[in-house]
């Protein structure tokens, strides 16, 4: 019965998004730690790992913003909500 509740479905969707962000962050930390070790053990005179941290960090930051800050910005949830609003207006006779 819980699967039919829209609030429950939304909560499950948010939890999946949150889990995806945490996996992304863990992967970011693990891979970049490995790259830092590689950089500092092979070529300590030429540090290049900061470019990996910076570039991927932009992607991680965007992912964080999409999960935590901009949940209402147009996306799948927004499309579904707007479709329900449209159908509701149409059924009630509104334009």
N, C-alpha and C. Protein backbone atom coordinates (compact mmCIF):
# COMPACT_ATOMS: atom_id res chain seq x y z
N UNK A 1 0.81 -1.19 0.00
CA UNK A 1 0.00 0.00 0.00
C UNK A 1 0.86 1.26 0.00
N UNK A 2 2.04 1.19 0.64
CA UNK A 2 2.91 2.35 0.68
C UNK A 2 3.39 2.76 -0.70
N UNK A 3 3.54 1.79 -1.60
CA UNK A 3 4.04 2.09 -2.95
C UNK A 3 3.09 3.01 -3.71
N UNK A 4 1.82 3.04 -3.37
CA UNK A 4 0.85 3.86 -4.06
C UNK A 4 0.82 5.30 -3.54
N UNK A 5 1.35 5.52 -2.36
CA UNK A 5 1.35 6.85 -1.75
C UNK A 5 2.36 7.74 -2.45
N UNK A 6 1.92 8.87 -3.02
CA UNK A 6 2.86 9.76 -3.74
C UNK A 6 3.98 10.29 -2.85
N UNK A 7 3.69 10.56 -1.59
CA UNK A 7 4.74 11.06 -0.69
C UNK A 7 5.80 9.99 -0.46
N UNK A 8 5.36 8.75 -0.35
CA UNK A 8 6.31 7.65 -0.16
C UNK A 8 7.17 7.47 -1.41
N UNK A 9 6.55 7.55 -2.58
CA UNK A 9 7.30 7.42 -3.84
C UNK A 9 8.33 8.54 -3.96
N UNK A 10 7.93 9.76 -3.59
CA UNK A 10 8.85 10.88 -3.65
C UNK A 10 10.01 10.69 -2.66
N UNK A 11 9.71 10.19 -1.48
CA UNK A 11 10.75 9.94 -0.48
C UNK A 11 11.72 8.87 -0.99
N UNK A 12 11.20 7.83 -1.59
CA UNK A 12 12.07 6.78 -2.15
C UNK A 12 12.95 7.33 -3.27
N UNK A 13 12.39 8.17 -4.11
CA UNK A 13 13.15 8.79 -5.20
C UNK A 13 14.28 9.65 -4.64
N UNK A 14 13.97 10.43 -3.60
CA UNK A 14 14.99 11.27 -2.98
C UNK A 14 16.10 10.42 -2.36
N UNK A 15 15.73 9.34 -1.70
CA UNK A 15 16.73 8.47 -1.09
C UNK A 15 17.63 7.86 -2.16
N UNK A 16 17.08 7.49 -3.30
CA UNK A 16 17.91 6.97 -4.41
C UNK A 16 18.87 8.05 -4.91
N UNK A 17 18.39 9.28 -5.02
CA UNK A 17 19.26 10.38 -5.45
C UNK A 17 20.36 10.62 -4.43
N UNK A 18 20.01 10.57 -3.16
CA UNK A 18 20.98 10.77 -2.09
C UNK A 18 22.04 9.66 -2.11
N UNK A 19 21.60 8.42 -2.26
CA UNK A 19 22.54 7.29 -2.35
C UNK A 19 23.47 7.47 -3.54
N UNK A 20 22.93 7.91 -4.67
CA UNK A 20 23.75 8.15 -5.85
C UNK A 20 24.81 9.22 -5.61
N UNK A 21 24.42 10.27 -4.89
CA UNK A 21 25.41 11.31 -4.57
C UNK A 21 26.49 10.77 -3.66
N UNK A 22 26.12 10.01 -2.63
CA UNK A 22 27.12 9.46 -1.71
C UNK A 22 28.08 8.52 -2.44
N UNK A 23 27.57 7.73 -3.36
CA UNK A 23 28.45 6.86 -4.15
C UNK A 23 29.40 7.70 -5.00
N UNK A 24 28.88 8.75 -5.60
CA UNK A 24 29.70 9.63 -6.42
C UNK A 24 30.81 10.26 -5.57
N UNK A 25 30.46 10.74 -4.38
CA UNK A 25 31.45 11.37 -3.49
C UNK A 25 32.51 10.37 -3.05
N UNK A 26 32.09 9.15 -2.71
CA UNK A 26 33.06 8.13 -2.30
C UNK A 26 33.99 7.76 -3.44
N UNK A 27 33.45 7.64 -4.64
CA UNK A 27 34.28 7.35 -5.81
C UNK A 27 35.25 8.49 -6.07
N UNK A 28 34.79 9.71 -5.96
CA UNK A 28 35.64 10.90 -6.13
C UNK A 28 36.81 10.85 -5.16
N UNK A 29 36.51 10.61 -3.90
CA UNK A 29 37.57 10.58 -2.89
C UNK A 29 38.56 9.43 -3.12
N UNK A 30 38.05 8.26 -3.42
CA UNK A 30 38.90 7.09 -3.61
C UNK A 30 39.80 7.24 -4.83
N UNK A 31 39.21 7.59 -5.96
CA UNK A 31 39.99 7.71 -7.19
C UNK A 31 41.01 8.84 -7.09
N UNK A 32 40.59 9.98 -6.56
CA UNK A 32 41.51 11.11 -6.48
C UNK A 32 42.61 10.90 -5.44
N UNK A 33 42.32 10.15 -4.39
CA UNK A 33 43.38 9.80 -3.44
C UNK A 33 44.42 8.93 -4.14
N UNK A 34 43.94 7.97 -4.93
CA UNK A 34 44.86 7.13 -5.69
C UNK A 34 45.67 7.94 -6.69
N UNK A 35 45.03 8.87 -7.37
CA UNK A 35 45.75 9.73 -8.32
C UNK A 35 46.77 10.61 -7.62
N UNK A 36 46.44 11.09 -6.43
CA UNK A 36 47.38 11.92 -5.67
C UNK A 36 48.61 11.10 -5.27
N UNK A 37 48.38 9.88 -4.81
CA UNK A 37 49.50 9.00 -4.47
C UNK A 37 50.35 8.75 -5.71
N UNK A 38 49.71 8.45 -6.83
CA UNK A 38 50.43 8.22 -8.07
C UNK A 38 51.24 9.46 -8.47
N UNK A 39 50.62 10.62 -8.40
CA UNK A 39 51.30 11.86 -8.78
C UNK A 39 52.52 12.11 -7.89
N UNK A 40 52.34 12.01 -6.58
CA UNK A 40 53.42 12.37 -5.66
C UNK A 40 54.52 11.31 -5.57
N UNK A 41 54.22 10.08 -5.99
CA UNK A 41 55.27 9.07 -5.98
C UNK A 41 56.03 9.00 -7.30
N UNK A 42 55.39 9.36 -8.40
CA UNK A 42 56.08 9.26 -9.69
C UNK A 42 56.70 10.58 -10.14
N UNK A 43 56.00 11.68 -9.98
CA UNK A 43 56.50 12.99 -10.43
C UNK A 43 56.19 14.06 -9.39
N UNK A 44 56.84 14.03 -8.24
CA UNK A 44 56.52 15.03 -7.20
C UNK A 44 56.90 16.45 -7.61
N UNK A 45 57.77 16.58 -8.58
CA UNK A 45 58.17 17.93 -9.01
C UNK A 45 57.11 18.57 -9.91
N UNK A 46 56.25 17.76 -10.48
CA UNK A 46 55.21 18.30 -11.36
C UNK A 46 53.84 17.82 -10.85
N UNK A 47 53.13 18.71 -10.20
CA UNK A 47 51.84 18.35 -9.61
C UNK A 47 50.73 18.60 -10.62
N UNK A 48 50.07 17.54 -11.00
CA UNK A 48 48.97 17.62 -11.97
C UNK A 48 47.63 17.19 -11.38
N UNK A 49 47.66 16.58 -10.21
CA UNK A 49 46.44 16.01 -9.64
C UNK A 49 45.39 17.07 -9.32
N UNK A 50 45.81 18.31 -9.07
CA UNK A 50 44.83 19.34 -8.74
C UNK A 50 43.85 19.58 -9.88
N UNK A 51 44.28 19.33 -11.12
CA UNK A 51 43.37 19.52 -12.26
C UNK A 51 42.28 18.46 -12.27
N UNK A 52 42.62 17.25 -11.84
CA UNK A 52 41.61 16.19 -11.72
C UNK A 52 40.62 16.53 -10.61
N UNK A 53 41.18 16.98 -9.49
CA UNK A 53 40.33 17.36 -8.36
C UNK A 53 39.38 18.49 -8.74
N UNK A 54 39.90 19.47 -9.44
CA UNK A 54 39.10 20.63 -9.83
C UNK A 54 38.01 20.25 -10.83
N UNK A 55 38.40 19.57 -11.90
CA UNK A 55 37.43 19.22 -12.94
C UNK A 55 36.32 18.32 -12.44
N UNK A 56 36.71 17.25 -11.78
CA UNK A 56 35.71 16.32 -11.26
C UNK A 56 34.94 16.97 -10.11
N UNK A 57 35.60 17.86 -9.37
CA UNK A 57 34.94 18.56 -8.27
C UNK A 57 33.77 19.40 -8.75
N UNK A 58 33.91 19.98 -9.94
CA UNK A 58 32.79 20.75 -10.51
C UNK A 58 31.59 19.82 -10.74
N UNK A 59 31.86 18.64 -11.28
CA UNK A 59 30.78 17.68 -11.48
C UNK A 59 30.16 17.22 -10.18
N UNK A 60 30.98 16.98 -9.18
CA UNK A 60 30.47 16.56 -7.87
C UNK A 60 29.65 17.67 -7.23
N UNK A 61 30.11 18.90 -7.38
CA UNK A 61 29.36 20.03 -6.83
C UNK A 61 28.00 20.17 -7.53
N UNK A 62 27.98 19.99 -8.83
CA UNK A 62 26.71 20.05 -9.57
C UNK A 62 25.77 18.96 -9.10
N UNK A 63 26.31 17.76 -8.86
CA UNK A 63 25.50 16.66 -8.38
C UNK A 63 24.93 17.00 -7.00
N UNK A 64 25.77 17.55 -6.12
CA UNK A 64 25.31 17.93 -4.78
C UNK A 64 24.20 18.97 -4.85
N UNK A 65 24.38 19.97 -5.70
CA UNK A 65 23.35 21.00 -5.83
C UNK A 65 22.04 20.43 -6.33
N UNK A 66 22.12 19.48 -7.27
CA UNK A 66 20.89 18.89 -7.80
C UNK A 66 20.15 18.07 -6.74
N UNK A 67 20.89 17.48 -5.81
CA UNK A 67 20.26 16.66 -4.78
C UNK A 67 19.79 17.51 -3.60
N UNK A 68 20.63 18.45 -3.16
CA UNK A 68 20.35 19.16 -1.91
C UNK A 68 19.71 20.53 -2.09
N UNK A 69 20.04 21.25 -3.15
CA UNK A 69 19.61 22.65 -3.25
C UNK A 69 18.50 22.88 -4.26
N UNK A 70 18.61 22.31 -5.42
CA UNK A 70 17.69 22.64 -6.51
C UNK A 70 16.75 21.49 -6.84
N UNK A 71 16.08 20.97 -5.84
CA UNK A 71 15.18 19.84 -6.08
C UNK A 71 13.98 20.22 -6.92
N UNK A 72 13.61 21.51 -6.95
CA UNK A 72 12.44 21.93 -7.70
C UNK A 72 12.75 22.38 -9.12
N UNK A 73 14.03 22.42 -9.46
CA UNK A 73 14.42 22.86 -10.80
C UNK A 73 13.96 21.81 -11.81
N UNK A 74 13.53 22.24 -13.00
CA UNK A 74 13.00 21.28 -13.96
C UNK A 74 13.86 20.04 -14.15
N UNK A 75 13.21 18.94 -13.95
CA UNK A 75 13.80 17.62 -14.09
C UNK A 75 12.64 16.63 -14.16
N UNK A 76 12.91 15.38 -13.91
CA UNK A 76 11.86 14.37 -14.00
C UNK A 76 10.74 14.65 -12.99
N UNK A 77 11.10 14.98 -11.75
CA UNK A 77 10.09 15.27 -10.73
C UNK A 77 9.23 16.46 -11.13
N UNK A 78 9.88 17.48 -11.64
CA UNK A 78 9.17 18.68 -12.06
C UNK A 78 8.19 18.35 -13.19
N UNK A 79 8.63 17.56 -14.16
CA UNK A 79 7.76 17.18 -15.28
C UNK A 79 6.55 16.41 -14.79
N UNK A 80 6.76 15.47 -13.88
CA UNK A 80 5.64 14.68 -13.36
C UNK A 80 4.67 15.57 -12.59
N UNK A 81 5.21 16.47 -11.78
CA UNK A 81 4.36 17.37 -11.00
C UNK A 81 3.53 18.28 -11.92
N UNK A 82 4.17 18.82 -12.95
CA UNK A 82 3.46 19.70 -13.89
C UNK A 82 2.39 18.93 -14.67
N UNK A 83 2.69 17.70 -15.03
CA UNK A 83 1.71 16.88 -15.74
C UNK A 83 0.49 16.62 -14.84
N UNK A 84 0.73 16.33 -13.56
CA UNK A 84 -0.39 16.12 -12.63
C UNK A 84 -1.21 17.40 -12.45
N UNK A 85 -0.50 18.55 -12.36
CA UNK A 85 -1.21 19.83 -12.24
C UNK A 85 -2.08 20.08 -13.46
N UNK A 86 -1.54 19.82 -14.63
CA UNK A 86 -2.28 20.03 -15.88
C UNK A 86 -3.52 19.15 -15.91
N UNK A 87 -3.35 17.88 -15.59
CA UNK A 87 -4.49 16.97 -15.60
C UNK A 87 -5.52 17.37 -14.55
N UNK A 88 -5.08 17.82 -13.41
CA UNK A 88 -6.00 18.24 -12.36
C UNK A 88 -6.82 19.45 -12.80
N UNK A 89 -6.15 20.42 -13.41
CA UNK A 89 -6.86 21.61 -13.92
C UNK A 89 -7.85 21.22 -15.00
N UNK A 90 -7.42 20.35 -15.86
CA UNK A 90 -8.28 19.95 -16.98
C UNK A 90 -9.53 19.21 -16.50
N UNK A 91 -9.36 18.36 -15.50
CA UNK A 91 -10.47 17.59 -14.96
C UNK A 91 -11.44 18.50 -14.18
N UNK A 92 -10.90 19.56 -13.57
CA UNK A 92 -11.76 20.45 -12.78
C UNK A 92 -12.40 21.53 -13.65
N UNK A 93 -12.08 21.53 -14.93
CA UNK A 93 -12.69 22.48 -15.84
C UNK A 93 -11.93 23.77 -15.99
N UNK A 94 -10.76 23.88 -15.38
CA UNK A 94 -9.94 25.08 -15.52
C UNK A 94 -9.23 25.09 -16.85
N UNK A 95 -8.69 26.24 -17.20
CA UNK A 95 -7.99 26.33 -18.49
C UNK A 95 -6.52 26.29 -18.33
